[in-house]
Amino acid sequence: MPEPDLQHIEEETLRLLEVLCRQPSVSAESRALETTAALVEELLAGSGFKTRQLRVEGGPPAVYGEQRGRSDFTLLLYNHYDVQPADPLDSWESPPFEPTLRDGKVFARGRPTTRASWRCAWR
């Protein structure tokens, strides 16, 4: 088995993180939930998952993805794509939905809680 290209994996992970962190999917404000759900579905489908959106009247769409493996075992991964409001905005050193690299770390709304872990879950 060939060595993984760690540089490529890191670059792709940062690119994906930037795309996700630019989504202002603030659930308390009903902002960008449809758009972000469509993006998450597109990213999962691009990684080989069969996807669909699950909808309930009055709520944001849930994105479901399934990928069959080689065994009978099931691995369930769960995450959410919404974030809490970024207020107070004057506490941010950079705009909350514009990912910024400082001291080797990415700063953006939603980065530490959900969006950074997605890459590991579906790759």
PDB file of N, CA and C in Angstrom:
ATOM      1  N   MET A   1       0.846  -1.181   0.000  1.00  0.00           N
ATOM      2  CA  MET A   1       0.000   0.000   0.000  1.00  0.00           C
ATOM      3  C   MET A   1       0.895   1.249   0.000  1.00  0.00           C
ATOM      4  N   PRO A   2       0.629   2.187  -0.902  1.00  0.00           N
ATOM      5  CA  PRO A   2       1.474   3.385  -0.985  1.00  0.00           C
ATOM      6  C   PRO A   2       1.281   4.306   0.220  1.00  0.00           C
ATOM      7  N   GLU A   3       2.314   5.090   0.484  1.00  0.00           N
ATOM      8  CA  GLU A   3       2.260   6.071   1.570  1.00  0.00           C
ATOM      9  C   GLU A   3       1.205   7.129   1.239  1.00  0.00           C
ATOM     10  N   PRO A   4       0.399   7.534   2.232  1.00  0.00           N
ATOM     11  CA  PRO A   4      -0.556   8.612   1.958  1.00  0.00           C
ATOM     12  C   PRO A   4       0.176   9.933   1.759  1.00  0.00           C
ATOM     13  N   ASP A   5      -0.353  10.756   0.897  1.00  0.00           N
ATOM     14  CA  ASP A   5       0.218  12.079   0.625  1.00  0.00           C
ATOM     15  C   ASP A   5      -0.325  13.036   1.689  1.00  0.00           C
ATOM     16  N   LEU A   6       0.400  13.145   2.797  1.00  0.00           N
ATOM     17  CA  LEU A   6      -0.068  13.931   3.934  1.00  0.00           C
ATOM     18  C   LEU A   6      -0.217  15.407   3.612  1.00  0.00           C
ATOM     19  N   GLN A   7       0.651  15.927   2.766  1.00  0.00           N
ATOM     20  CA  GLN A   7       0.552  17.335   2.369  1.00  0.00           C
ATOM     21  C   GLN A   7      -0.760  17.585   1.628  1.00  0.00           C
ATOM     22  N   HIS A   8      -1.100  16.688   0.711  1.00  0.00           N
ATOM     23  CA  HIS A   8      -2.353  16.814  -0.038  1.00  0.00           C
ATOM     24  C   HIS A   8      -3.558  16.688   0.907  1.00  0.00           C
ATOM     25  N   ILE A   9      -3.501  15.745   1.836  1.00  0.00           N
ATOM     26  CA  ILE A   9      -4.602  15.552   2.785  1.00  0.00           C
ATOM     27  C   ILE A   9      -4.790  16.806   3.630  1.00  0.00           C
ATOM     28  N   GLU A  10      -3.697  17.393   4.096  1.00  0.00           N
ATOM     29  CA  GLU A  10      -3.787  18.609   4.902  1.00  0.00           C
ATOM     30  C   GLU A  10      -4.376  19.759   4.087  1.00  0.00           C
ATOM     31  N   GLU A  11      -3.918  19.937   2.873  1.00  0.00           N
ATOM     32  CA  GLU A  11      -4.427  21.015   2.023  1.00  0.00           C
ATOM     33  C   GLU A  11      -5.913  20.836   1.731  1.00  0.00           C
ATOM     34  N   GLU A  12      -6.316  19.612   1.420  1.00  0.00           N
ATOM     35  CA  GLU A  12      -7.719  19.327   1.126  1.00  0.00           C
ATOM     36  C   GLU A  12      -8.584  19.530   2.373  1.00  0.00           C
ATOM     37  N   THR A  13      -8.080  19.139   3.524  1.00  0.00           N
ATOM     38  CA  THR A  13      -8.811  19.318   4.775  1.00  0.00           C
ATOM     39  C   THR A  13      -9.010  20.795   5.074  1.00  0.00           C
ATOM     40  N   LEU A  14      -7.978  21.597   4.918  1.00  0.00           N
ATOM     41  CA  LEU A  14      -8.093  23.038   5.155  1.00  0.00           C
ATOM     42  C   LEU A  14      -9.041  23.696   4.155  1.00  0.00           C
ATOM     43  N   ARG A  15      -9.010  23.251   2.896  1.00  0.00           N
ATOM     44  CA  ARG A  15      -9.919  23.794   1.882  1.00  0.00           C
ATOM     45  C   ARG A  15     -11.372  23.490   2.254  1.00  0.00           C
ATOM     46  N   LEU A  16     -11.629  22.257   2.648  1.00  0.00           N
ATOM     47  CA  LEU A  16     -12.980  21.862   3.029  1.00  0.00           C
ATOM     48  C   LEU A  16     -13.426  22.614   4.282  1.00  0.00           C
ATOM     49  N   LEU A  17     -12.540  22.741   5.247  1.00  0.00           N
ATOM     50  CA  LEU A  17     -12.861  23.479   6.469  1.00  0.00           C
ATOM     51  C   LEU A  17     -13.214  24.921   6.150  1.00  0.00           C
ATOM     52  N   GLU A  18     -12.473  25.526   5.239  1.00  0.00           N
ATOM     53  CA  GLU A  18     -12.758  26.914   4.855  1.00  0.00           C
ATOM     54  C   GLU A  18     -14.134  27.028   4.201  1.00  0.00           C
ATOM     55  N   VAL A  19     -14.453  26.117   3.306  1.00  0.00           N
ATOM     56  CA  VAL A  19     -15.763  26.140   2.641  1.00  0.00           C
ATOM     57  C   VAL A  19     -16.881  26.021   3.674  1.00  0.00           C
ATOM     58  N   LEU A  20     -16.743  25.092   4.605  1.00  0.00           N
ATOM     59  CA  LEU A  20     -17.783  24.881   5.614  1.00  0.00           C
ATOM     60  C   LEU A  20     -17.906  26.066   6.572  1.00  0.00           C
ATOM     61  N   CYS A  21     -16.780  26.613   6.979  1.00  0.00           N
ATOM     62  CA  CYS A  21     -16.809  27.717   7.944  1.00  0.00           C
ATOM     63  C   CYS A  21     -17.321  29.022   7.346  1.00  0.00           C
ATOM     64  N   ARG A  22     -17.389  29.116   6.042  1.00  0.00           N
ATOM     65  CA  ARG A  22     -17.952  30.309   5.402  1.00  0.00           C
ATOM     66  C   ARG A  22     -19.489  30.282   5.400  1.00  0.00           C
ATOM     67  N   GLN A  23     -20.069  29.172   5.804  1.00  0.00           N
ATOM     68  CA  GLN A  23     -21.527  29.038   5.791  1.00  0.00           C
ATOM     69  C   GLN A  23     -22.107  29.656   7.064  1.00  0.00           C
ATOM     70  N   PRO A  24     -22.886  30.724   6.942  1.00  0.00           N
ATOM     71  CA  PRO A  24     -23.460  31.368   8.130  1.00  0.00           C
ATOM     72  C   PRO A  24     -24.747  30.676   8.584  1.00  0.00           C
ATOM     73  N   SER A  25     -24.663  29.393   8.817  1.00  0.00           N
ATOM     74  CA  SER A  25     -25.852  28.582   9.128  1.00  0.00           C
ATOM     75  C   SER A  25     -26.223  28.703  10.609  1.00  0.00           C
ATOM     76  N   VAL A  26     -26.766  29.855  10.967  1.00  0.00           N
ATOM     77  CA  VAL A  26     -27.134  30.153  12.349  1.00  0.00           C
ATOM     78  C   VAL A  26     -28.578  29.707  12.570  1.00  0.00           C
ATOM     79  N   SER A  27     -28.743  28.632  13.322  1.00  0.00           N
ATOM     80  CA  SER A  27     -30.080  28.064  13.498  1.00  0.00           C
ATOM     81  C   SER A  27     -31.021  29.001  14.245  1.00  0.00           C
ATOM     82  N   ALA A  28     -30.520  29.735  15.229  1.00  0.00           N
ATOM     83  CA  ALA A  28     -31.372  30.643  15.997  1.00  0.00           C
ATOM     84  C   ALA A  28     -31.929  31.776  15.138  1.00  0.00           C
ATOM     85  N   GLU A  29     -31.299  32.021  13.996  1.00  0.00           N
ATOM     86  CA  GLU A  29     -31.746  33.074  13.083  1.00  0.00           C
ATOM     87  C   GLU A  29     -32.310  32.498  11.786  1.00  0.00           C
ATOM     88  N   SER A  30     -32.416  31.183  11.710  1.00  0.00           N
ATOM     89  CA  SER A  30     -32.879  30.489  10.493  1.00  0.00           C
ATOM     90  C   SER A  30     -32.105  30.952   9.266  1.00  0.00           C
ATOM     91  N   ARG A  31     -30.792  31.105   9.412  1.00  0.00           N
ATOM     92  CA  ARG A  31     -29.946  31.628   8.338  1.00  0.00           C
ATOM     93  C   ARG A  31     -29.192  30.514   7.636  1.00  0.00           C
ATOM     94  N   ALA A  32     -29.268  30.476   6.332  1.00  0.00           N
ATOM     95  CA  ALA A  32     -28.446  29.637   5.455  1.00  0.00           C
ATOM     96  C   ALA A  32     -28.539  28.144   5.757  1.00  0.00           C
ATOM     97  N   LEU A  33     -29.607  27.694   6.375  1.00  0.00           N
ATOM     98  CA  LEU A  33     -29.732  26.278   6.717  1.00  0.00           C
ATOM     99  C   LEU A  33     -29.957  25.418   5.470  1.00  0.00           C
ATOM    100  N   GLU A  34     -30.815  25.868   4.573  1.00  0.00           N
ATOM    101  CA  GLU A  34     -31.074  25.122   3.336  1.00  0.00           C
ATOM    102  C   GLU A  34     -29.810  25.031   2.481  1.00  0.00           C
ATOM    103  N   THR A  35     -29.117  26.152   2.341  1.00  0.00           N
ATOM    104  CA  THR A  35     -27.901  26.198   1.537  1.00  0.00           C
ATOM    105  C   THR A  35     -26.812  25.298   2.120  1.00  0.00           C
ATOM    106  N   THR A  36     -26.652  25.348   3.432  1.00  0.00           N
ATOM    107  CA  THR A  36     -25.619  24.543   4.073  1.00  0.00           C
ATOM    108  C   THR A  36     -25.969  23.060   4.007  1.00  0.00           C
ATOM    109  N   ALA A  37     -27.233  22.728   4.175  1.00  0.00           N
ATOM    110  CA  ALA A  37     -27.647  21.327   4.052  1.00  0.00           C
ATOM    111  C   ALA A  37     -27.341  20.810   2.641  1.00  0.00           C
ATOM    112  N   ALA A  38     -27.610  21.620   1.631  1.00  0.00           N
ATOM    113  CA  ALA A  38     -27.313  21.224   0.249  1.00  0.00           C
ATOM    114  C   ALA A  38     -25.815  21.036   0.049  1.00  0.00           C
ATOM    115  N   LEU A  39     -25.016  21.909   0.643  1.00  0.00           N
ATOM    116  CA  LEU A  39     -23.557  21.785   0.539  1.00  0.00           C
ATOM    117  C   LEU A  39     -23.071  20.514   1.213  1.00  0.00           C
ATOM    118  N   VAL A  40     -23.555  20.229   2.413  1.00  0.00           N
ATOM    119  CA  VAL A  40     -23.156  19.010   3.125  1.00  0.00           C
ATOM    120  C   VAL A  40     -23.546  17.776   2.319  1.00  0.00           C
ATOM    121  N   GLU A  41     -24.739  17.796   1.760  1.00  0.00           N
ATOM    122  CA  GLU A  41     -25.185  16.663   0.942  1.00  0.00           C
ATOM    123  C   GLU A  41     -24.278  16.489  -0.279  1.00  0.00           C
ATOM    124  N   GLU A  42     -23.924  17.584  -0.916  1.00  0.00           N
ATOM    125  CA  GLU A  42     -23.046  17.545  -2.085  1.00  0.00           C
ATOM    126  C   GLU A  42     -21.662  16.983  -1.716  1.00  0.00           C
ATOM    127  N   LEU A  43     -21.127  17.405  -0.591  1.00  0.00           N
ATOM    128  CA  LEU A  43     -19.816  16.923  -0.156  1.00  0.00           C
ATOM    129  C   LEU A  43     -19.845  15.430   0.172  1.00  0.00           C
ATOM    130  N   LEU A  44     -20.908  14.989   0.828  1.00  0.00           N
ATOM    131  CA  LEU A  44     -21.041  13.560   1.124  1.00  0.00           C
ATOM    132  C   LEU A  44     -21.167  12.749  -0.163  1.00  0.00           C
ATOM    133  N   ALA A  45     -22.002  13.209  -1.071  1.00  0.00           N
ATOM    134  CA  ALA A  45     -22.186  12.496  -2.344  1.00  0.00           C
ATOM    135  C   ALA A  45     -20.870  12.432  -3.114  1.00  0.00           C
ATOM    136  N   GLY A  46     -20.096  13.509  -3.061  1.00  0.00           N
ATOM    137  CA  GLY A  46     -18.800  13.531  -3.729  1.00  0.00           C
ATOM    138  C   GLY A  46     -17.796  12.575  -3.121  1.00  0.00           C
ATOM    139  N   SER A  47     -18.057  12.132  -1.899  1.00  0.00           N
ATOM    140  CA  SER A  47     -17.182  11.166  -1.236  1.00  0.00           C
ATOM    141  C   SER A  47     -17.720   9.746  -1.345  1.00  0.00           C
ATOM    142  N   GLY A  48     -18.756   9.555  -2.171  1.00  0.00           N
ATOM    143  CA  GLY A  48     -19.260   8.209  -2.423  1.00  0.00           C
ATOM    144  C   GLY A  48     -20.464   7.784  -1.600  1.00  0.00           C
ATOM    145  N   PHE A  49     -21.041   8.694  -0.843  1.00  0.00           N
ATOM    146  CA  PHE A  49     -22.216   8.362  -0.042  1.00  0.00           C
ATOM    147  C   PHE A  49     -23.478   8.489  -0.881  1.00  0.00           C
ATOM    148  N   LYS A  50     -24.443   7.624  -0.626  1.00  0.00           N
ATOM    149  CA  LYS A  50     -25.793   7.808  -1.148  1.00  0.00           C
ATOM    150  C   LYS A  50     -26.463   8.737  -0.152  1.00  0.00           C
ATOM    151  N   THR A  51     -27.042   9.808  -0.636  1.00  0.00           N
ATOM    152  CA  THR A  51     -27.557  10.834   0.270  1.00  0.00           C
ATOM    153  C   THR A  51     -29.012  11.168   0.009  1.00  0.00           C
ATOM    154  N   ARG A  52     -29.604  11.782   1.010  1.00  0.00           N
ATOM    155  CA  ARG A  52     -30.932  12.376   0.862  1.00  0.00           C
ATOM    156  C   ARG A  52     -31.144  13.331   2.025  1.00  0.00           C
ATOM    157  N   GLN A  53     -32.051  14.243   1.837  1.00  0.00           N
ATOM    158  CA  GLN A  53     -32.412  15.159   2.912  1.00  0.00           C
ATOM    159  C   GLN A  53     -33.715  14.678   3.548  1.00  0.00           C
ATOM    160  N   LEU A  54     -33.716  14.667   4.859  1.00  0.00           N
ATOM    161  CA  LEU A  54     -34.897  14.285   5.622  1.00  0.00           C
ATOM    162  C   LEU A  54     -35.534  15.577   6.128  1.00  0.00           C
ATOM    163  N   ARG A  55     -36.825  15.713   5.891  1.00  0.00           N
ATOM    164  CA  ARG A  55     -37.481  16.980   6.220  1.00  0.00           C
ATOM    165  C   ARG A  55     -38.699  16.758   7.115  1.00  0.00           C
ATOM    166  N   VAL A  56     -38.838  17.718   8.022  1.00  0.00           N
ATOM    167  CA  VAL A  56     -39.998  17.782   8.900  1.00  0.00           C
ATOM    168  C   VAL A  56     -40.513  19.211   8.807  1.00  0.00           C
ATOM    169  N   GLU A  57     -41.807  19.355   8.675  1.00  0.00           N
ATOM    170  CA  GLU A  57     -42.382  20.699   8.529  1.00  0.00           C
ATOM    171  C   GLU A  57     -41.956  21.594   9.694  1.00  0.00           C
ATOM    172  N   GLY A  58     -41.456  22.781   9.327  1.00  0.00           N
ATOM    173  CA  GLY A  58     -41.063  23.756  10.325  1.00  0.00           C
ATOM    174  C   GLY A  58     -39.632  23.611  10.832  1.00  0.00           C
ATOM    175  N   GLY A  59     -38.915  22.616  10.370  1.00  0.00           N
ATOM    176  CA  GLY A  59     -37.547  22.414  10.833  1.00  0.00           C
ATOM    177  C   GLY A  59     -36.556  22.421   9.687  1.00  0.00           C
ATOM    178  N   PRO A  60     -35.283  22.577   9.999  1.00  0.00           N
ATOM    179  CA  PRO A  60     -34.271  22.543   8.944  1.00  0.00           C
ATOM    180  C   PRO A  60     -34.075  21.117   8.434  1.00  0.00           C
ATOM    181  N   PRO A  61     -33.591  20.957   7.228  1.00  0.00           N
ATOM    182  CA  PRO A  61     -33.375  19.607   6.706  1.00  0.00           C
ATOM    183  C   PRO A  61     -32.243  18.898   7.437  1.00  0.00           C
ATOM    184  N   ALA A  62     -32.422  17.607   7.631  1.00  0.00           N
ATOM    185  CA  ALA A  62     -31.341  16.754   8.128  1.00  0.00           C
ATOM    186  C   ALA A  62     -30.761  16.062   6.899  1.00  0.00           C
ATOM    187  N   VAL A  63     -29.462  15.911   6.863  1.00  0.00           N
ATOM    188  CA  VAL A  63     -28.806  15.269   5.725  1.00  0.00           C
ATOM    189  C   VAL A  63     -28.425  13.859   6.139  1.00  0.00           C
ATOM    190  N   TYR A  64     -28.870  12.905   5.359  1.00  0.00           N
ATOM    191  CA  TYR A  64     -28.587  11.495   5.632  1.00  0.00           C
ATOM    192  C   TYR A  64     -27.669  10.972   4.541  1.00  0.00           C
ATOM    193  N   GLY A  65     -26.625  10.285   4.943  1.00  0.00           N
ATOM    194  CA  GLY A  65     -25.718   9.671   3.979  1.00  0.00           C
ATOM    195  C   GLY A  65     -25.410   8.247   4.390  1.00  0.00           C
ATOM    196  N   GLU A  66     -25.328   7.378   3.417  1.00  0.00           N
ATOM    197  CA  GLU A  66     -25.031   5.966   3.690  1.00  0.00           C
ATOM    198  C   GLU A  66     -23.990   5.477   2.703  1.00  0.00           C
ATOM    199  N   GLN A  67     -23.043   4.733   3.233  1.00  0.00           N
ATOM    200  CA  GLN A  67     -22.017   4.131   2.390  1.00  0.00           C
ATOM    201  C   GLN A  67     -21.802   2.705   2.871  1.00  0.00           C
ATOM    202  N   ARG A  68     -22.047   1.770   2.000  1.00  0.00           N
ATOM    203  CA  ARG A  68     -21.900   0.357   2.349  1.00  0.00           C
ATOM    204  C   ARG A  68     -20.431  -0.011   2.425  1.00  0.00           C
ATOM    205  N   GLY A  69     -20.121  -0.859   3.398  1.00  0.00           N
ATOM    206  CA  GLY A  69     -18.753  -1.349   3.563  1.00  0.00           C
ATOM    207  C   GLY A  69     -18.647  -2.809   3.167  1.00  0.00           C
ATOM    208  N   ARG A  70     -17.565  -3.430   3.600  1.00  0.00           N
ATOM    209  CA  ARG A  70     -17.327  -4.818   3.236  1.00  0.00           C
ATOM    210  C   ARG A  70     -17.810  -5.804   4.300  1.00  0.00           C
ATOM    211  N   SER A  71     -18.348  -5.324   5.411  1.00  0.00           N
ATOM    212  CA  SER A  71     -18.789  -6.227   6.469  1.00  0.00           C
ATOM    213  C   SER A  71     -20.249  -5.960   6.802  1.00  0.00           C
ATOM    214  N   ASP A  72     -20.773  -6.743   7.729  1.00  0.00           N
ATOM    215  CA  ASP A  72     -22.151  -6.571   8.166  1.00  0.00           C
ATOM    216  C   ASP A  72     -22.290  -5.552   9.300  1.00  0.00           C
ATOM    217  N   PHE A  73     -21.174  -5.033   9.778  1.00  0.00           N
ATOM    218  CA  PHE A  73     -21.207  -4.085  10.884  1.00  0.00           C
ATOM    219  C   PHE A  73     -21.660  -2.709  10.408  1.00  0.00           C
ATOM    220  N   THR A  74     -22.214  -1.942  11.341  1.00  0.00           N
ATOM    221  CA  THR A  74     -22.678  -0.595  11.051  1.00  0.00           C
ATOM    222  C   THR A  74     -21.899   0.395  11.906  1.00  0.00           C
ATOM    223  N   LEU A  75     -21.458   1.460  11.296  1.00  0.00           N
ATOM    224  CA  LEU A  75     -20.822   2.568  11.995  1.00  0.00           C
ATOM    225  C   LEU A  75     -21.689   3.787  11.759  1.00  0.00           C
ATOM    226  N   LEU A  76     -22.183   4.377  12.832  1.00  0.00           N
ATOM    227  CA  LEU A  76     -23.045   5.545  12.735  1.00  0.00           C
ATOM    228  C   LEU A  76     -22.256   6.777  13.149  1.00  0.00           C
ATOM    229  N   LEU A  77     -22.266   7.785  12.307  1.00  0.00           N
ATOM    230  CA  LEU A  77     -21.634   9.064  12.605  1.00  0.00           C
ATOM    231  C   LEU A  77     -22.721  10.119  12.603  1.00  0.00           C
ATOM    232  N   TYR A  78     -22.671  11.010  13.575  1.00  0.00           N
ATOM    233  CA  TYR A  78     -23.674  12.067  13.661  1.00  0.00           C
ATOM    234  C   TYR A  78     -22.966  13.401  13.844  1.00  0.00           C
ATOM    235  N   ASN A  79     -23.501  14.415  13.213  1.00  0.00           N
ATOM    236  CA  ASN A  79     -22.985  15.760  13.390  1.00  0.00           C
ATOM    237  C   ASN A  79     -24.091  16.746  13.033  1.00  0.00           C
ATOM    238  N   HIS A  80     -23.878  18.007  13.298  1.00  0.00           N
ATOM    239  CA  HIS A  80     -24.845  19.034  12.904  1.00  0.00           C
ATOM    240  C   HIS A  80     -24.109  20.110  12.123  1.00  0.00           C
ATOM    241  N   TYR A  81     -24.847  20.816  11.271  1.00  0.00           N
ATOM    242  CA  TYR A  81     -24.221  21.805  10.402  1.00  0.00           C
ATOM    243  C   TYR A  81     -24.573  23.235  10.795  1.00  0.00           C
ATOM    244  N   ASP A  82     -25.353  23.397  11.845  1.00  0.00           N
ATOM    245  CA  ASP A  82     -25.718  24.749  12.265  1.00  0.00           C
ATOM    246  C   ASP A  82     -24.788  25.226  13.384  1.00  0.00           C
ATOM    247  N   VAL A  83     -24.760  26.531  13.566  1.00  0.00           N
ATOM    248  CA  VAL A  83     -23.947  27.138  14.621  1.00  0.00           C
ATOM    249  C   VAL A  83     -24.797  28.119  15.414  1.00  0.00           C
ATOM    250  N   GLN A  84     -24.273  28.534  16.541  1.00  0.00           N
ATOM    251  CA  GLN A  84     -24.927  29.550  17.355  1.00  0.00           C
ATOM    252  C   GLN A  84     -24.531  30.936  16.825  1.00  0.00           C
ATOM    253  N   PRO A  85     -25.298  31.956  17.160  1.00  0.00           N
ATOM    254  CA  PRO A  85     -24.948  33.312  16.707  1.00  0.00           C
ATOM    255  C   PRO A  85     -23.536  33.693  17.153  1.00  0.00           C
ATOM    256  N   ALA A  86     -22.893  34.512  16.357  1.00  0.00           N
ATOM    257  CA  ALA A  86     -21.508  34.911  16.617  1.00  0.00           C
ATOM    258  C   ALA A  86     -21.408  36.132  17.523  1.00  0.00           C
ATOM    259  N   ASP A  87     -22.523  36.599  18.043  1.00  0.00           N
ATOM    260  CA  ASP A  87     -22.527  37.787  18.907  1.00  0.00           C
ATOM    261  C   ASP A  87     -21.791  37.512  20.220  1.00  0.00           C
ATOM    262  N   PRO A  88     -21.136  38.478  20.755  1.00  0.00           N
ATOM    263  CA  PRO A  88     -20.950  39.838  20.267  1.00  0.00           C
ATOM    264  C   PRO A  88     -19.858  39.905  19.203  1.00  0.00           C
ATOM    265  N   LEU A  89     -20.169  40.536  18.100  1.00  0.00           N
ATOM    266  CA  LEU A  89     -19.250  40.596  16.961  1.00  0.00           C
ATOM    267  C   LEU A  89     -17.958  41.332  17.275  1.00  0.00           C
ATOM    268  N   ASP A  90     -18.002  42.292  18.199  1.00  0.00           N
ATOM    269  CA  ASP A  90     -16.774  43.030  18.510  1.00  0.00           C
ATOM    270  C   ASP A  90     -15.766  42.199  19.303  1.00  0.00           C
ATOM    271  N   SER A  91     -16.152  40.985  19.712  1.00  0.00           N
ATOM    272  CA  SER A  91     -15.215  40.085  20.395  1.00  0.00           C
ATOM    273  C   SER A  91     -14.345  39.295  19.418  1.00  0.00           C
ATOM    274  N   TRP A  92     -14.699  39.330  18.148  1.00  0.00           N
ATOM    275  CA  TRP A  92     -13.957  38.586  17.127  1.00  0.00           C
ATOM    276  C   TRP A  92     -12.802  39.431  16.603  1.00  0.00           C
ATOM    277  N   GLU A  93     -11.653  38.807  16.429  1.00  0.00           N
ATOM    278  CA  GLU A  93     -10.505  39.497  15.831  1.00  0.00           C
ATOM    279  C   GLU A  93     -10.618  39.566  14.312  1.00  0.00           C
ATOM    280  N   SER A  94     -11.428  38.697  13.748  1.00  0.00           N
ATOM    281  CA  SER A  94     -11.691  38.670  12.313  1.00  0.00           C
ATOM    282  C   SER A  94     -13.159  38.285  12.142  1.00  0.00           C
ATOM    283  N   PRO A  95     -13.758  38.561  10.982  1.00  0.00           N
ATOM    284  CA  PRO A  95     -15.169  38.217  10.789  1.00  0.00           C
ATOM    285  C   PRO A  95     -15.413  36.723  11.038  1.00  0.00           C
ATOM    286  N   PRO A  96     -16.479  36.376  11.765  1.00  0.00           N
ATOM    287  CA  PRO A  96     -16.695  34.988  12.195  1.00  0.00           C
ATOM    288  C   PRO A  96     -16.892  33.978  11.069  1.00  0.00           C
ATOM    289  N   PHE A  97     -17.373  34.413   9.911  1.00  0.00           N
ATOM    290  CA  PHE A  97     -17.596  33.479   8.805  1.00  0.00           C
ATOM    291  C   PHE A  97     -16.568  33.651   7.692  1.00  0.00           C
ATOM    292  N   GLU A  98     -15.444  34.242   8.024  1.00  0.00           N
ATOM    293  CA  GLU A  98     -14.300  34.323   7.122  1.00  0.00           C
ATOM    294  C   GLU A  98     -13.124  33.638   7.812  1.00  0.00           C
ATOM    295  N   PRO A  99     -12.906  32.352   7.522  1.00  0.00           N
ATOM    296  CA  PRO A  99     -11.841  31.616   8.199  1.00  0.00           C
ATOM    297  C   PRO A  99     -10.491  32.335   8.069  1.00  0.00           C
ATOM    298  N   THR A 100      -9.814  32.452   9.198  1.00  0.00           N
ATOM    299  CA  THR A 100      -8.545  33.156   9.249  1.00  0.00           C
ATOM    300  C   THR A 100      -7.513  32.266   9.927  1.00  0.00           C
ATOM    301  N   LEU A 101      -6.341  32.173   9.318  1.00  0.00           N
ATOM    302  CA  LEU A 101      -5.247  31.380   9.880  1.00  0.00           C
ATOM    303  C   LEU A 101      -4.361  32.306  10.701  1.00  0.00           C
ATOM    304  N   ARG A 102      -4.254  32.005  12.008  1.00  0.00           N
ATOM    305  CA  ARG A 102      -3.381  32.751  12.912  1.00  0.00           C
ATOM    306  C   ARG A 102      -2.631  31.762  13.788  1.00  0.00           C
ATOM    307  N   ASP A 103      -1.337  31.921  13.870  1.00  0.00           N
ATOM    308  CA  ASP A 103      -0.507  31.052  14.714  1.00  0.00           C
ATOM    309  C   ASP A 103      -0.731  29.571  14.399  1.00  0.00           C
ATOM    310  N   GLY A 104      -0.938  29.255  13.122  1.00  0.00           N
ATOM    311  CA  GLY A 104      -1.119  27.864  12.703  1.00  0.00           C
ATOM    312  C   GLY A 104      -2.486  27.285  13.026  1.00  0.00           C
ATOM    313  N   LYS A 105      -3.442  28.126  13.422  1.00  0.00           N
ATOM    314  CA  LYS A 105      -4.788  27.668  13.767  1.00  0.00           C
ATOM    315  C   LYS A 105      -5.809  28.410  12.924  1.00  0.00           C
ATOM    316  N   VAL A 106      -6.890  27.718  12.589  1.00  0.00           N
ATOM    317  CA  VAL A 106      -7.983  28.333  11.838  1.00  0.00           C
ATOM    318  C   VAL A 106      -9.000  28.869  12.837  1.00  0.00           C
ATOM    319  N   PHE A 107      -9.355  30.151  12.676  1.00  0.00           N
ATOM    320  CA  PHE A 107     -10.367  30.779  13.513  1.00  0.00           C
ATOM    321  C   PHE A 107     -11.580  31.091  12.659  1.00  0.00           C
ATOM    322  N   ALA A 108     -12.745  30.574  13.073  1.00  0.00           N
ATOM    323  CA  ALA A 108     -14.015  30.837  12.388  1.00  0.00           C
ATOM    324  C   ALA A 108     -15.133  30.267  13.241  1.00  0.00           C
ATOM    325  N   ARG A 109     -16.339  30.768  13.032  1.00  0.00           N
ATOM    326  CA  ARG A 109     -17.501  30.279  13.779  1.00  0.00           C
ATOM    327  C   ARG A 109     -17.780  28.837  13.394  1.00  0.00           C
ATOM    328  N   GLY A 110     -17.934  27.971  14.402  1.00  0.00           N
ATOM    329  CA  GLY A 110     -18.248  26.569  14.172  1.00  0.00           C
ATOM    330  C   GLY A 110     -17.043  25.674  13.976  1.00  0.00           C
ATOM    331  N   ARG A 111     -15.857  26.239  13.850  1.00  0.00           N
ATOM    332  CA  ARG A 111     -14.664  25.437  13.587  1.00  0.00           C
ATOM    333  C   ARG A 111     -14.365  24.436  14.705  1.00  0.00           C
ATOM    334  N   PRO A 112     -14.374  24.817  15.979  1.00  0.00           N
ATOM    335  CA  PRO A 112     -13.971  23.847  16.994  1.00  0.00           C
ATOM    336  C   PRO A 112     -15.019  22.795  17.319  1.00  0.00           C
ATOM    337  N   THR A 113     -16.286  23.058  17.062  1.00  0.00           N
ATOM    338  CA  THR A 113     -17.325  22.149  17.530  1.00  0.00           C
ATOM    339  C   THR A 113     -17.737  21.098  16.517  1.00  0.00           C
ATOM    340  N   THR A 114     -17.919  21.465  15.282  1.00  0.00           N
ATOM    341  CA  THR A 114     -18.461  20.502  14.323  1.00  0.00           C
ATOM    342  C   THR A 114     -17.708  20.440  13.016  1.00  0.00           C
ATOM    343  N   ARG A 115     -17.412  21.552  12.467  1.00  0.00           N
ATOM    344  CA  ARG A 115     -16.957  21.596  11.084  1.00  0.00           C
ATOM    345  C   ARG A 115     -15.573  21.002  10.894  1.00  0.00           C
ATOM    346  N   ALA A 116     -14.729  21.074  11.889  1.00  0.00           N
ATOM    347  CA  ALA A 116     -13.383  20.514  11.758  1.00  0.00           C
ATOM    348  C   ALA A 116     -13.412  18.986  11.751  1.00  0.00           C
ATOM    349  N   SER A 117     -14.392  18.391  12.398  1.00  0.00           N
ATOM    350  CA  SER A 117     -14.423  16.930  12.490  1.00  0.00           C
ATOM    351  C   SER A 117     -15.056  16.257  11.278  1.00  0.00           C
ATOM    352  N   TRP A 118     -15.775  16.996  10.463  1.00  0.00           N
ATOM    353  CA  TRP A 118     -16.446  16.395   9.321  1.00  0.00           C
ATOM    354  C   TRP A 118     -15.480  15.722   8.363  1.00  0.00           C
ATOM    355  N   ARG A 119     -14.368  16.344   8.115  1.00  0.00           N
ATOM    356  CA  ARG A 119     -13.396  15.800   7.153  1.00  0.00           C
ATOM    357  C   ARG A 119     -12.977  14.384   7.538  1.00  0.00           C
ATOM    358  N   CYS A 120     -12.742  14.186   8.813  1.00  0.00           N
ATOM    359  CA  CYS A 120     -12.350  12.852   9.294  1.00  0.00           C
ATOM    360  C   CYS A 120     -13.475  11.851   9.141  1.00  0.00           C
ATOM    361  N   ALA A 121     -14.693  12.314   9.315  1.00  0.00           N
ATOM    362  CA  ALA A 121     -15.833  11.407   9.298  1.00  0.00           C
ATOM    363  C   ALA A 121     -16.145  10.832   7.937  1.00  0.00           C
ATOM    364  N   TRP A 122     -15.956  11.622   6.879  1.00  0.00           N
ATOM    365  CA  TRP A 122     -16.392  11.104   5.580  1.00  0.00           C
ATOM    366  C   TRP A 122     -15.273  10.889   4.582  1.00  0.00           C
ATOM    367  N   ARG A 123     -14.037  10.901   4.987  1.00  0.00           N
ATOM    368  CA  ARG A 123     -12.958  10.623   4.040  1.00  0.00           C
ATOM    369  C   ARG A 123     -12.326   9.307   4.326  1.00  0.00           C
TER     370      ARG A 123
END
